[in-house]
Amino acid sequence: MEQLCYLALSVLLAIVVLYGLLELHYFLRMCLCVLLARFVKRRCHILDVTTVNGLCLTNDVDTLLYHMNNARYFRELDFARVDFYERTNLYRTITGMGGSVFQGAATIRYRRFIRPFHRFNIVSRIIYWDEQSLFMEHRFVRPSDKFVHCIAICRQRVIDVSMEAVMAELLTRTSSNGFRATSSPSLSPALAAPSTTPALGGISNPAMDTSLAENGHGATGGATGATPTAAVAAHCLKLKPSLPPELSKWIEYNEMSSKNLRSGC
């Protein structure tokens, strides 16, 4: 009996240590989010809107225990992105084309705090993309009356692949409005070299230095993936959202910041 007590205390101590060092709550929730998105929730088109549920707990609140800590909003976005990546097949498409993706920048605008033990939804969608980046908008919404607590915009950078090619691959699949490409969505391997001309619908600003990415990789030199055919490119251009003016200003600021960092400022 004494040995069982020692064993139970050892297991409990190990759980406390692991929870303190590894923050098991985050990793367990992330695993659950991946499993639900991959095996339970329905598949979505790349331009569809996805929603994940959240709850403000005691480990999310600020020092005064009055509202959710401002930094926690960005951590909640990890679950929203994973859900979106899995349900739209975005991540597997990027890695399948030999690329990788990471977060390059983020901005958030707070409107009203979220109180402890209050539920919220994170509504995610793509608002724009260019050759190197994907821009996503995330809204923290109150479920009862759809009140928007805050809006976050994140810039996902891709390397070793063209984001235009990734979107061309995904856009030609069945969309939320019933569109299905009449031709094969696969792209010709003979056109593997990306175009050096600016992408249609992309950013055209001579003040921006696009020769280098924020991570030091070339804008097009190391990218892989096929160039869309004329029919696919025309359809992708038709579905591509226009660049919002506020996003254009934010992109310009990011480019200026990256340029200053590369120059040693």
Protein backbone atom coordinates (compact mmCIF):
# COMPACT_ATOMS: atom_id res chain seq x y z
CA MET A 1 0.00 0.00 0.00
CA GLU A 2 2.86 2.34 0.86
CA GLN A 3 4.52 1.60 -2.47
CA LEU A 4 1.30 2.49 -4.32
CA CYS A 5 1.16 5.82 -2.50
CA TYR A 6 4.75 6.60 -3.48
CA LEU A 7 3.99 5.59 -7.07
CA ALA A 8 0.89 7.80 -7.18
CA LEU A 9 2.84 10.75 -5.74
CA SER A 10 5.65 10.20 -8.25
CA VAL A 11 3.20 10.16 -11.15
CA LEU A 12 1.49 13.29 -9.84
CA LEU A 13 4.83 15.06 -9.40
CA ALA A 14 5.89 14.07 -12.92
CA ILE A 15 2.63 15.49 -14.33
CA VAL A 16 3.11 18.76 -12.44
CA VAL A 17 6.71 19.07 -13.64
CA LEU A 18 5.77 18.31 -17.24
CA TYR A 19 2.87 20.74 -17.12
CA GLY A 20 5.15 23.45 -15.74
CA LEU A 21 7.99 22.86 -18.20
CA LEU A 22 6.12 21.90 -21.37
CA GLU A 23 2.71 23.53 -20.86
CA LEU A 24 0.85 20.32 -21.61
CA HIS A 25 -2.45 22.16 -21.95
CA TYR A 26 -1.19 23.85 -25.13
CA PHE A 27 0.22 20.71 -26.73
CA LEU A 28 -2.78 18.55 -25.84
CA ARG A 29 -5.16 21.14 -27.25
CA MET A 30 -3.03 21.44 -30.39
CA CYS A 31 -3.16 17.66 -30.90
CA LEU A 32 -6.92 17.71 -30.39
CA CYS A 33 -7.26 20.58 -32.86
CA VAL A 34 -5.29 18.67 -35.52
CA LEU A 35 -7.30 15.48 -35.00
CA LEU A 36 -10.65 17.28 -35.20
CA ALA A 37 -9.65 19.21 -38.31
CA ARG A 38 -8.23 16.16 -40.06
CA PHE A 39 -10.79 13.49 -39.19
CA VAL A 40 -13.98 15.11 -37.86
CA LYS A 41 -14.62 18.52 -39.42
CA ARG A 42 -15.63 18.91 -43.05
CA ARG A 43 -13.10 19.85 -45.73
CA CYS A 44 -13.12 23.47 -46.91
CA HIS A 45 -12.15 25.30 -50.05
CA ILE A 46 -9.12 27.56 -49.71
CA LEU A 47 -11.30 30.70 -49.89
CA ASP A 48 -13.86 29.45 -47.38
CA VAL A 49 -14.16 30.82 -43.85
CA THR A 50 -13.27 28.51 -40.94
CA THR A 51 -14.24 28.83 -37.28
CA VAL A 52 -12.71 27.45 -34.09
CA ASN A 53 -14.13 27.78 -30.59
CA GLY A 54 -12.29 29.14 -27.57
CA LEU A 55 -12.82 29.77 -23.87
CA CYS A 56 -11.00 32.29 -21.71
CA LEU A 57 -9.63 30.31 -18.75
CA THR A 58 -7.75 31.37 -15.63
CA ASN A 59 -4.37 30.77 -17.27
CA ASP A 60 -5.36 33.17 -20.06
CA VAL A 61 -6.29 36.19 -17.97
CA ASP A 62 -4.27 39.32 -17.19
CA THR A 63 -2.65 40.18 -13.87
CA LEU A 64 -5.79 41.89 -12.61
CA LEU A 65 -7.89 38.79 -13.48
CA TYR A 66 -10.21 41.07 -15.39
CA HIS A 67 -9.80 40.05 -19.03
CA MET A 68 -7.83 37.82 -21.37
CA ASN A 69 -4.18 38.80 -21.61
CA ASN A 70 -3.29 40.59 -24.83
CA ALA A 71 -0.51 38.10 -25.63
CA ARG A 72 -2.94 35.18 -25.41
CA TYR A 73 -4.76 36.34 -28.53
CA PHE A 74 -1.73 35.49 -30.66
CA ARG A 75 -1.40 32.05 -29.08
CA GLU A 76 -5.06 31.35 -29.80
CA LEU A 77 -4.32 32.09 -33.46
CA ASP A 78 -2.09 28.98 -33.57
CA PHE A 79 -5.18 26.79 -33.19
CA ALA A 80 -7.09 28.78 -35.80
CA ARG A 81 -4.24 28.47 -38.32
CA VAL A 82 -3.79 24.74 -37.76
CA ASP A 83 -7.51 24.20 -38.24
CA PHE A 84 -7.45 26.23 -41.46
CA TYR A 85 -4.29 24.53 -42.78
CA GLU A 86 -5.68 21.04 -42.24
CA ARG A 87 -9.22 21.60 -43.50
CA THR A 88 -8.14 23.42 -46.69
CA ASN A 89 -5.16 21.12 -47.35
CA LEU A 90 -2.96 24.22 -47.49
CA TYR A 91 -0.05 22.93 -45.43
CA ARG A 92 0.17 19.60 -47.23
CA THR A 93 0.06 21.35 -50.59
CA ILE A 94 2.95 23.65 -49.62
CA THR A 95 5.10 20.82 -48.28
CA GLY A 96 4.11 18.58 -51.18
CA MET A 97 5.54 21.17 -53.58
CA GLY A 98 8.81 21.22 -51.65
CA GLY A 99 8.20 24.38 -49.62
CA SER A 100 7.68 25.40 -46.02
CA VAL A 101 5.67 28.10 -44.28
CA PHE A 102 6.15 30.22 -41.19
CA GLN A 103 4.71 33.41 -39.74
CA GLY A 104 6.55 36.52 -40.89
CA ALA A 105 4.50 39.29 -39.31
CA ALA A 106 1.29 39.94 -37.40
CA THR A 107 -0.76 42.92 -36.31
CA ILE A 108 -3.81 43.09 -34.09
CA ARG A 109 -6.42 45.70 -33.28
CA TYR A 110 -8.21 45.33 -29.94
CA ARG A 111 -11.77 46.57 -29.64
CA ARG A 112 -13.19 45.12 -26.43
CA PHE A 113 -11.70 42.68 -23.92
CA ILE A 114 -12.83 39.09 -23.37
CA ARG A 115 -13.79 38.34 -19.78
CA PRO A 116 -12.75 35.16 -17.92
CA PHE A 117 -14.88 32.06 -18.62
CA HIS A 118 -16.47 33.69 -21.66
CA ARG A 119 -16.63 31.81 -24.95
CA PHE A 120 -15.42 33.20 -28.26
CA ASN A 121 -15.04 32.09 -31.86
CA ILE A 122 -12.06 32.75 -34.11
CA VAL A 123 -13.20 33.27 -37.70
CA SER A 124 -10.36 32.91 -40.21
CA ARG A 125 -10.11 33.64 -43.92
CA ILE A 126 -7.59 34.54 -46.62
CA ILE A 127 -7.72 38.18 -47.65
CA TYR A 128 -4.79 38.34 -50.11
CA TRP A 129 -1.64 36.61 -51.35
CA ASP A 130 1.39 37.45 -53.46
CA GLU A 131 4.39 35.52 -54.74
CA GLN A 132 5.97 35.01 -51.31
CA SER A 133 3.22 35.47 -48.74
CA LEU A 134 -0.29 34.59 -47.67
CA PHE A 135 -2.31 37.13 -45.69
CA MET A 136 -4.96 35.89 -43.29
CA GLU A 137 -7.53 37.75 -41.23
CA HIS A 138 -8.68 36.36 -37.87
CA ARG A 139 -11.65 37.79 -36.00
CA PHE A 140 -12.43 37.08 -32.35
CA VAL A 141 -16.23 36.99 -32.31
CA ARG A 142 -18.68 36.67 -29.42
CA PRO A 143 -20.99 33.73 -30.27
CA SER A 144 -24.16 35.23 -28.77
CA ASP A 145 -24.43 38.39 -30.86
CA LYS A 146 -21.46 38.15 -33.31
CA PHE A 147 -19.73 41.13 -31.70
CA VAL A 148 -16.13 41.44 -32.92
CA HIS A 149 -13.71 41.72 -29.99
CA CYS A 150 -10.59 42.21 -32.11
CA ILE A 151 -9.15 41.67 -35.58
CA ALA A 152 -5.71 40.20 -36.32
CA ILE A 153 -3.92 40.07 -39.65
CA CYS A 154 -1.05 37.61 -40.12
CA ARG A 155 1.48 37.32 -42.90
CA GLN A 156 2.51 33.72 -43.61
CA ARG A 157 5.79 33.55 -45.54
CA VAL A 158 6.62 30.61 -47.80
CA ILE A 159 10.09 29.58 -48.94
CA ASP A 160 11.25 27.29 -51.73
CA VAL A 161 7.85 27.50 -53.40
CA SER A 162 5.72 30.13 -55.08
CA MET A 163 2.56 31.08 -53.21
CA GLU A 164 0.92 31.86 -56.53
CA ALA A 165 1.58 28.27 -57.64
CA VAL A 166 0.21 26.91 -54.37
CA MET A 167 -2.98 28.95 -54.71
CA ALA A 168 -3.34 27.93 -58.35
CA GLU A 169 -3.23 24.31 -57.21
CA LEU A 170 -5.85 24.85 -54.49
CA LEU A 171 -8.19 27.24 -56.29
CA THR A 172 -8.88 24.78 -59.09
CA ARG A 173 -10.35 22.29 -56.66
CA THR A 174 -14.03 22.21 -55.80
CA SER A 175 -14.95 25.54 -54.24
CA SER A 176 -17.70 26.57 -51.88
CA ASN A 177 -19.82 27.84 -54.79
CA GLY A 178 -19.63 24.51 -56.62
CA PHE A 179 -16.88 25.37 -59.10
CA ARG A 180 -14.73 22.49 -60.25
CA ALA A 181 -11.91 22.84 -62.72
CA THR A 182 -12.66 21.21 -66.06
CA SER A 183 -9.01 20.49 -66.68
CA SER A 184 -6.57 18.77 -64.39
CA PRO A 185 -5.35 21.02 -61.59
CA SER A 186 -1.88 19.55 -61.83
CA LEU A 187 0.61 21.88 -63.42
CA SER A 188 3.04 21.14 -66.18
CA PRO A 189 6.51 20.11 -64.91
CA ALA A 190 8.03 21.72 -67.99
CA LEU A 191 7.08 25.09 -66.60
CA ALA A 192 8.75 24.55 -63.23
CA ALA A 193 10.74 27.78 -63.36
CA PRO A 194 8.71 30.60 -61.83
CA SER A 195 8.08 33.75 -63.76
CA THR A 196 10.31 36.73 -63.02
CA THR A 197 7.55 39.18 -63.94
CA PRO A 198 5.21 40.44 -61.23
CA ALA A 199 2.22 38.21 -60.64
CA LEU A 200 -1.12 39.38 -61.92
CA GLY A 201 -3.02 41.09 -59.18
CA GLY A 202 0.10 41.29 -57.03
CA ILE A 203 1.73 44.24 -55.35
CA SER A 204 3.28 46.84 -57.59
CA ASN A 205 5.15 49.41 -55.56
CA PRO A 206 8.56 50.66 -56.67
CA ALA A 207 9.30 51.85 -53.14
CA MET A 208 9.38 48.24 -51.94
CA ASP A 209 12.56 46.21 -52.30
CA THR A 210 11.26 42.76 -53.18
CA SER A 211 14.61 41.32 -54.24
CA LEU A 212 15.05 39.78 -50.80
CA ALA A 213 12.53 38.23 -48.46
CA GLU A 214 12.50 38.96 -44.76
CA ASN A 215 14.17 35.62 -44.11
CA GLY A 216 17.01 36.36 -46.52
CA HIS A 217 15.79 34.05 -49.29
CA GLY A 218 15.44 35.39 -52.78
CA ALA A 219 12.03 36.43 -53.96
CA THR A 220 11.90 33.97 -56.82
CA GLY A 221 15.34 32.44 -57.14
CA GLY A 222 14.79 29.51 -54.79
CA ALA A 223 11.09 28.96 -55.40
CA THR A 224 9.88 25.73 -56.90
CA GLY A 225 6.55 24.66 -58.26
CA ALA A 226 4.94 24.93 -61.64
CA THR A 227 3.66 28.01 -63.37
CA PRO A 228 -0.11 27.87 -63.95
CA THR A 229 -1.46 27.39 -67.44
CA ALA A 230 -3.23 30.31 -69.07
CA ALA A 231 -6.72 29.00 -68.26
CA VAL A 232 -5.83 28.25 -64.63
CA ALA A 233 -4.05 31.60 -64.22
CA ALA A 234 -7.08 33.44 -65.59
CA HIS A 235 -9.41 31.65 -63.19
CA CYS A 236 -7.08 32.27 -60.23
CA LEU A 237 -6.90 35.96 -61.12
CA LYS A 238 -10.69 36.10 -61.20
CA LEU A 239 -10.96 34.58 -57.72
CA LYS A 240 -8.06 36.52 -56.22
CA PRO A 241 -9.28 39.27 -53.86
CA SER A 242 -8.13 42.83 -54.48
CA LEU A 243 -5.47 44.26 -52.21
CA PRO A 244 -7.14 46.23 -49.38
CA PRO A 245 -5.61 49.72 -49.00
CA GLU A 246 -4.91 49.26 -45.28
CA LEU A 247 -3.14 45.97 -46.01
CA SER A 248 -1.08 47.68 -48.70
CA LYS A 249 0.16 50.22 -46.14
CA TRP A 250 1.00 47.46 -43.68
CA ILE A 251 2.91 45.51 -46.34
CA GLU A 252 4.86 48.63 -47.21
CA TYR A 253 5.75 49.13 -43.55
CA ASN A 254 6.94 45.51 -43.29
CA GLU A 255 9.13 45.90 -46.37
CA MET A 256 10.67 49.09 -44.99
CA SER A 257 11.29 47.38 -41.63
CA SER A 258 12.95 44.39 -43.33
CA LYS A 259 15.12 46.70 -45.42
CA ASN A 260 16.26 48.54 -42.29
CA LEU A 261 17.09 45.26 -40.55
CA ARG A 262 19.15 44.07 -43.51
CA SER A 263 21.06 47.35 -43.56
CA GLY A 264 21.92 46.99 -39.88
CA CYS A 265 19.60 49.66 -38.46
